[in-house]
């Protein structure tokens, strides 16, 4: 089992789900400054290709958000050498710091790719899909499915099914696209349980008031 914090996967963002509409603002937003724990059966670092590959029961945790997958690839970019003209002492200091960073040299995460029955859970919301990509540059998470294995979002007893979930993890805005059928646009499928969403909203409000009272 491997445990790695945000030093390796700096601002890993986990799923956010909009379980009640095709497009909505979710309450889940990623905090890139908080630590992230990764566990897997195996880790392979291909430094020449700028990629780290986690395989086997991959689990990623940040506070109450959990992501599971069979495989996760972390693509990174090495920081460029300091520009000419900087003082030699500063260059040496930066070089030493880079060498000390995981023994790999300093790097910025470019994107994350997960595959093999991807599962995401955050408090009352859950999402499953076939594969997913998180782009660090645009702060966008995409969870993909297909007609045989669609993206399924659940919140309590409410369920919504489609083929492509796109989430802006900075704003929390989520969009779910339907699966195409025979080359034609399909429809998002939704099952809503009357009163379930309101019960959860009321429970959340009571919890918030209790916390503020303390």
Protein backbone atom coordinates (compact mmCIF):
# COMPACT_ATOMS: atom_id res chain seq x y z
CA UNK A 1 0.00 0.00 0.00
CA UNK A 2 1.34 3.42 -0.98
CA UNK A 3 0.52 6.65 0.83
CA UNK A 4 1.39 9.93 -0.86
CA UNK A 5 0.28 13.47 0.00
CA UNK A 6 -0.31 16.54 -2.12
CA UNK A 7 3.45 17.00 -2.57
CA UNK A 8 3.16 14.57 -5.48
CA UNK A 9 -0.33 15.29 -6.77
CA UNK A 10 -0.50 18.90 -5.69
CA UNK A 11 -4.06 19.98 -6.39
CA UNK A 12 -5.84 16.75 -7.18
CA UNK A 13 -9.53 17.41 -7.62
CA UNK A 14 -12.12 14.80 -6.95
CA UNK A 15 -15.59 14.42 -8.31
CA UNK A 16 -18.47 16.76 -7.99
CA UNK A 17 -21.96 15.63 -8.93
CA UNK A 18 -25.12 17.39 -9.99
CA UNK A 19 -27.59 14.65 -9.14
CA UNK A 20 -30.82 16.55 -9.64
CA UNK A 21 -30.49 18.34 -12.98
CA UNK A 22 -28.64 18.30 -16.26
CA UNK A 23 -26.82 21.47 -15.25
CA UNK A 24 -26.57 22.93 -11.78
CA UNK A 25 -24.21 24.51 -9.26
CA UNK A 26 -23.02 21.94 -6.75
CA UNK A 27 -21.94 22.51 -3.18
CA UNK A 28 -18.71 20.59 -3.67
CA UNK A 29 -15.61 22.57 -4.53
CA UNK A 30 -12.02 21.42 -4.33
CA UNK A 31 -9.53 22.90 -1.89
CA UNK A 32 -6.15 22.57 -3.59
CA UNK A 33 -4.28 23.64 -0.46
CA UNK A 34 -5.40 20.71 1.66
CA UNK A 35 -3.54 17.37 1.75
CA UNK A 36 -4.60 14.39 -0.32
CA UNK A 37 -3.94 10.75 0.49
CA UNK A 38 -3.42 8.17 -2.26
CA UNK A 39 -3.33 4.42 -1.75
CA UNK A 40 -2.64 1.78 -4.39
CA UNK A 41 -1.13 -1.67 -4.77
CA UNK A 42 1.60 -0.41 -7.08
CA UNK A 43 3.24 2.83 -8.20
CA UNK A 44 5.36 3.17 -11.33
CA UNK A 45 7.11 6.46 -12.12
CA UNK A 46 8.18 7.01 -15.73
CA UNK A 47 10.18 10.17 -15.29
CA UNK A 48 11.29 10.30 -18.92
CA UNK A 49 7.61 10.40 -19.91
CA UNK A 50 6.60 12.70 -17.05
CA UNK A 51 3.97 10.31 -15.73
CA UNK A 52 3.31 8.41 -12.49
CA UNK A 53 1.01 5.39 -12.72
CA UNK A 54 -0.95 4.08 -9.72
CA UNK A 55 -2.52 0.63 -10.24
CA UNK A 56 -4.60 -1.77 -8.19
CA UNK A 57 -7.39 -0.63 -5.87
CA UNK A 58 -6.50 3.04 -6.20
CA UNK A 59 -8.13 5.15 -3.48
CA UNK A 60 -7.80 8.93 -3.25
CA UNK A 61 -9.08 10.79 -0.19
CA UNK A 62 -9.43 14.49 0.61
CA UNK A 63 -11.45 15.07 3.77
CA UNK A 64 -14.98 13.75 3.00
CA UNK A 65 -14.35 13.21 -0.71
CA UNK A 66 -13.29 9.76 -1.92
CA UNK A 67 -12.33 8.55 -5.38
CA UNK A 68 -11.69 4.92 -6.34
CA UNK A 69 -10.43 3.45 -9.62
CA UNK A 70 -8.40 0.56 -10.97
CA UNK A 71 -5.76 2.83 -12.53
CA UNK A 72 -4.76 6.47 -12.12
CA UNK A 73 -2.15 8.23 -14.27
CA UNK A 74 -0.66 11.50 -13.05
CA UNK A 75 0.88 13.55 -15.86
CA UNK A 76 3.22 16.31 -14.77
CA UNK A 77 5.42 19.03 -16.21
CA UNK A 78 8.88 19.72 -14.87
CA UNK A 79 9.51 23.30 -13.93
CA UNK A 80 11.77 25.13 -16.34
CA UNK A 81 15.26 26.16 -15.38
CA UNK A 82 15.54 29.66 -13.99
CA UNK A 83 16.17 32.35 -16.57
CA UNK A 84 19.69 33.57 -17.21
CA UNK A 85 20.60 36.64 -15.23
CA UNK A 86 19.49 35.36 -11.84
CA UNK A 87 22.09 35.29 -9.15
CA UNK A 88 24.14 32.12 -8.94
CA UNK A 89 23.35 31.64 -5.27
CA UNK A 90 19.61 31.69 -5.96
CA UNK A 91 20.02 29.22 -8.82
CA UNK A 92 21.93 26.85 -6.57
CA UNK A 93 19.30 27.16 -3.85
CA UNK A 94 16.47 26.47 -6.31
CA UNK A 95 18.33 23.50 -7.78
CA UNK A 96 18.86 21.97 -4.35
CA UNK A 97 15.19 22.47 -3.48
CA UNK A 98 14.10 20.84 -6.74
CA UNK A 99 16.35 17.84 -6.14
CA UNK A 100 14.92 17.41 -2.65
CA UNK A 101 11.34 17.40 -3.95
CA UNK A 102 10.51 13.65 -3.95
CA UNK A 103 13.87 12.98 -5.54
CA UNK A 104 12.21 13.70 -8.87
CA UNK A 105 12.80 17.44 -9.24
CA UNK A 106 10.06 20.03 -8.90
CA UNK A 107 7.03 19.49 -11.11
CA UNK A 108 3.56 20.85 -11.79
CA UNK A 109 0.65 18.46 -12.30
CA UNK A 110 -0.86 18.79 -15.79
CA UNK A 111 -3.73 16.30 -15.68
CA UNK A 112 -5.00 13.13 -14.06
CA UNK A 113 -6.54 10.16 -15.86
CA UNK A 114 -8.53 7.48 -14.04
CA UNK A 115 -10.02 4.29 -15.48
CA UNK A 116 -11.56 1.00 -14.50
CA UNK A 117 -14.98 1.58 -12.89
CA UNK A 118 -14.41 5.03 -11.42
CA UNK A 119 -16.29 5.76 -8.19
CA UNK A 120 -16.57 9.18 -6.53
CA UNK A 121 -18.28 9.95 -3.21
CA UNK A 122 -18.65 13.21 -1.33
CA UNK A 123 -20.97 13.28 1.67
CA UNK A 124 -24.44 12.37 0.29
CA UNK A 125 -23.50 12.42 -3.41
CA UNK A 126 -22.04 9.53 -5.42
CA UNK A 127 -20.99 9.11 -9.06
CA UNK A 128 -19.74 6.16 -11.09
CA UNK A 129 -18.34 6.00 -14.61
CA UNK A 130 -16.02 4.11 -16.91
CA UNK A 131 -13.14 6.61 -16.96
CA UNK A 132 -12.33 10.21 -16.18
CA UNK A 133 -9.90 13.10 -16.68
CA UNK A 134 -9.08 16.08 -14.49
CA UNK A 135 -7.34 19.01 -16.20
CA UNK A 136 -5.38 21.11 -13.72
CA UNK A 137 -5.09 24.04 -16.10
CA UNK A 138 -8.83 24.50 -16.65
CA UNK A 139 -9.86 23.03 -13.28
CA UNK A 140 -12.30 20.78 -15.11
CA UNK A 141 -13.27 17.22 -14.28
CA UNK A 142 -14.83 14.99 -16.95
CA UNK A 143 -16.33 11.60 -16.04
CA UNK A 144 -17.20 9.44 -19.05
CA UNK A 145 -19.48 6.49 -19.62
CA UNK A 146 -21.21 4.72 -22.51
CA UNK A 147 -24.67 3.26 -23.20
CA UNK A 148 -23.61 -0.09 -21.74
CA UNK A 149 -21.86 1.49 -18.75
CA UNK A 150 -23.24 5.02 -18.26
CA UNK A 151 -22.39 7.68 -15.72
CA UNK A 152 -24.73 7.23 -12.75
CA UNK A 153 -25.22 10.01 -10.20
CA UNK A 154 -27.07 9.45 -6.96
CA UNK A 155 -28.07 11.63 -4.04
CA UNK A 156 -30.19 9.80 -1.53
CA UNK A 157 -32.94 8.10 -3.53
CA UNK A 158 -32.55 10.45 -6.49
CA UNK A 159 -30.75 9.05 -9.54
CA UNK A 160 -29.70 10.59 -12.85
CA UNK A 161 -28.04 8.74 -15.74
CA UNK A 162 -26.06 10.05 -18.71
CA UNK A 163 -22.79 9.53 -20.54
CA UNK A 164 -20.57 12.55 -19.83
CA UNK A 165 -20.34 14.54 -16.62
CA UNK A 166 -18.37 17.81 -16.83
CA UNK A 167 -17.62 19.73 -13.65
CA UNK A 168 -15.88 23.05 -13.10
CA UNK A 169 -14.31 22.31 -9.72
CA UNK A 170 -13.69 26.00 -9.04
CA UNK A 171 -17.29 27.16 -9.45
CA UNK A 172 -19.00 23.84 -8.73
CA UNK A 173 -21.07 24.02 -11.93
CA UNK A 174 -21.85 20.55 -13.29
CA UNK A 175 -23.32 19.44 -16.62
CA UNK A 176 -24.44 15.94 -17.59
CA UNK A 177 -24.75 15.02 -21.28
CA UNK A 178 -26.93 12.08 -22.45
CA UNK A 179 -25.78 8.96 -24.27
CA UNK A 180 -26.13 8.92 -28.04
CA UNK A 181 -28.35 6.16 -29.42
CA UNK A 182 -27.85 4.85 -32.95
CA UNK A 183 -26.00 8.02 -33.84
CA UNK A 184 -28.83 10.18 -32.57
CA UNK A 185 -28.81 12.39 -29.44
CA UNK A 186 -30.24 10.59 -26.45
CA UNK A 187 -31.79 11.80 -23.24
CA UNK A 188 -30.66 12.10 -19.66
CA UNK A 189 -32.65 9.70 -17.49
CA UNK A 190 -33.76 10.82 -14.05
CA UNK A 191 -35.55 9.23 -11.11
CA UNK A 192 -36.64 11.65 -8.38
CA UNK A 193 -38.15 10.67 -5.06
CA UNK A 194 -40.60 13.36 -3.85
CA UNK A 195 -39.51 15.00 -0.63
CA UNK A 196 -36.09 13.33 -0.51
CA UNK A 197 -34.14 16.39 -1.63
CA UNK A 198 -36.06 18.65 0.73
CA UNK A 199 -35.44 16.33 3.67
CA UNK A 200 -31.71 16.44 2.99
CA UNK A 201 -31.76 20.21 2.64
CA UNK A 202 -33.57 20.54 5.97
CA UNK A 203 -31.15 18.14 7.64
CA UNK A 204 -28.21 20.13 6.31
CA UNK A 205 -29.70 23.39 7.57
CA UNK A 206 -30.27 21.93 11.05
CA UNK A 207 -26.69 20.65 11.13
CA UNK A 208 -25.39 24.08 10.13
CA UNK A 209 -27.45 25.85 12.82
CA UNK A 210 -26.26 23.39 15.46
CA UNK A 211 -22.64 23.97 14.46
CA UNK A 212 -23.07 27.76 14.61
CA UNK A 213 -24.73 27.49 18.03
CA UNK A 214 -21.72 25.62 19.37
